Amino acid sequence: MIHHFDSEVAEKLGVSAAIIVANLAYLQANRKAQGGDKYYMDGRWWVHHTYESLAKFHPYFSVPQIKRIMKTLVEQEAVFKCNPDRWNRDCYWSVALEFTHSTKSPDGKY
């Protein structure tokens, strides 16, 4: 599996956070393209992921590492978290608009 990240996001948030943000932003964009009112709440698109499912998708991070990364991302308001069903501990994540862009090369060519 190939994973990538935005270097501008990595400069602001760190490489580990940038990897997670890139994945969530990609899934969020696809969610928007697919539609589905279930994942559109409070004016934003959301991605459903547990800490464990994020760790499975990113096997180079442990669940405790994922929890720390996500906690930091929420504190920095780079990612928003919601639990629409308070009895279910599953999380929905939404990347802040400023971190959903793609970076161009330093010379602006691509």
Protein backbone atom coordinates (compact mmCIF):
# COMPACT_ATOMS: atom_id res chain seq x y z
CA MET A 1 0.00 0.00 0.00
CA ILE A 2 1.30 3.45 -0.89
CA HIS A 3 0.79 6.28 1.58
CA HIS A 4 1.68 9.89 0.99
CA PHE A 5 1.33 13.22 2.75
CA ASP A 6 1.37 16.94 2.09
CA SER A 7 4.74 18.48 2.96
CA GLU A 8 3.13 21.79 3.99
CA VAL A 9 0.91 19.95 6.45
CA ALA A 10 3.96 18.03 7.71
CA GLU A 11 5.77 21.33 8.36
CA LYS A 12 2.82 22.57 10.43
CA LEU A 13 1.72 19.38 12.21
CA GLY A 14 4.54 16.85 11.87
CA VAL A 15 4.98 13.90 9.51
CA SER A 16 2.91 11.39 11.52
CA ALA A 17 -0.02 13.78 11.70
CA ALA A 18 0.33 14.68 8.01
CA ILE A 19 0.06 11.01 7.03
CA ILE A 20 -3.19 10.61 8.98
CA VAL A 21 -4.58 13.93 7.71
CA ALA A 22 -3.84 12.97 4.09
CA ASN A 23 -5.70 9.68 4.53
CA LEU A 24 -8.71 11.27 6.22
CA ALA A 25 -8.85 14.13 3.68
CA TYR A 26 -8.81 11.61 0.82
CA LEU A 27 -11.60 9.57 2.38
CA GLN A 28 -13.54 12.73 3.20
CA ALA A 29 -13.32 13.93 -0.42
CA ASN A 30 -14.52 10.54 -1.63
CA ARG A 31 -17.34 10.59 0.90
CA LYS A 32 -18.44 13.93 -0.48
CA ALA A 33 -18.28 12.60 -4.05
CA GLN A 34 -20.32 9.52 -3.07
CA GLY A 35 -22.95 11.53 -1.25
CA GLY A 36 -24.85 9.90 1.55
CA ASP A 37 -26.58 12.10 4.08
CA LYS A 38 -25.46 9.82 6.90
CA TYR A 39 -21.95 11.30 6.68
CA TYR A 40 -22.93 14.96 6.28
CA MET A 41 -23.51 16.66 9.63
CA ASP A 42 -23.09 20.19 10.94
CA GLY A 43 -22.10 21.51 7.51
CA ARG A 44 -19.20 19.14 6.93
CA TRP A 45 -18.44 15.68 5.59
CA TRP A 46 -17.28 13.05 8.07
CA VAL A 47 -15.31 9.81 7.89
CA HIS A 48 -16.07 6.94 10.24
CA HIS A 49 -12.92 5.40 11.73
CA THR A 50 -12.10 3.83 15.06
CA TYR A 51 -8.59 4.10 16.49
CA GLU A 52 -8.19 0.40 15.75
CA SER A 53 -9.28 0.76 12.12
CA LEU A 54 -6.87 3.66 11.64
CA ALA A 55 -4.08 1.49 13.09
CA LYS A 56 -4.98 -1.33 10.66
CA PHE A 57 -4.81 1.08 7.75
CA HIS A 58 -1.53 2.51 9.07
CA PRO A 59 0.25 -0.61 10.40
CA TYR A 60 3.40 1.38 11.20
CA PHE A 61 1.47 3.15 14.01
CA SER A 62 0.22 1.40 17.14
CA VAL A 63 -3.25 2.14 18.56
CA PRO A 64 -1.73 4.25 21.39
CA GLN A 65 0.24 6.24 18.79
CA ILE A 66 -2.92 6.78 16.74
CA LYS A 67 -4.74 7.99 19.86
CA ARG A 68 -1.96 10.49 20.61
CA ILE A 69 -1.83 11.72 17.01
CA MET A 70 -5.62 12.14 16.84
CA LYS A 71 -5.75 13.89 20.22
CA THR A 72 -3.12 16.37 19.04
CA LEU A 73 -4.91 16.92 15.72
CA VAL A 74 -8.18 17.66 17.53
CA GLU A 75 -6.43 20.02 19.99
CA GLN A 76 -4.84 21.88 17.05
CA GLU A 77 -8.24 22.01 15.31
CA ALA A 78 -6.76 20.35 12.23
CA VAL A 79 -9.31 17.56 12.60
CA PHE A 80 -12.74 17.63 14.20
CA LYS A 81 -14.21 14.69 16.08
CA CYS A 82 -17.82 13.80 16.77
CA ASN A 83 -19.71 10.90 18.26
CA PRO A 84 -23.27 11.17 16.90
CA ASP A 85 -24.39 8.17 18.93
CA ARG A 86 -23.29 8.78 22.50
CA TRP A 87 -23.80 5.09 23.37
CA ASN A 88 -21.42 4.01 20.64
CA ARG A 89 -17.73 4.91 21.10
CA ASP A 90 -17.05 4.98 17.36
CA CYS A 91 -15.73 8.29 16.09
CA TYR A 92 -16.39 10.39 13.05
CA TRP A 93 -13.56 12.61 11.84
CA SER A 94 -13.52 15.65 9.58
CA VAL A 95 -10.38 17.42 8.39
CA ALA A 96 -10.34 21.22 8.68
CA LEU A 97 -10.65 22.87 5.28
CA GLU A 98 -7.16 24.39 5.40
CA PHE A 99 -5.60 20.91 5.59
CA THR A 100 -7.56 19.27 2.76
CA HIS A 101 -5.61 20.87 -0.10
CA SER A 102 -2.91 19.33 -2.24
CA THR A 103 0.53 20.84 -2.26
CA LYS A 104 2.24 21.99 -5.42
CA SER A 105 5.96 21.57 -5.93
CA PRO A 106 8.18 24.39 -4.61
CA ASP A 107 8.67 25.75 -8.14
CA GLY A 108 4.89 25.69 -8.76
CA LYS A 109 5.09 23.42 -11.81
CA TYR A 110 3.20 20.44 -10.36
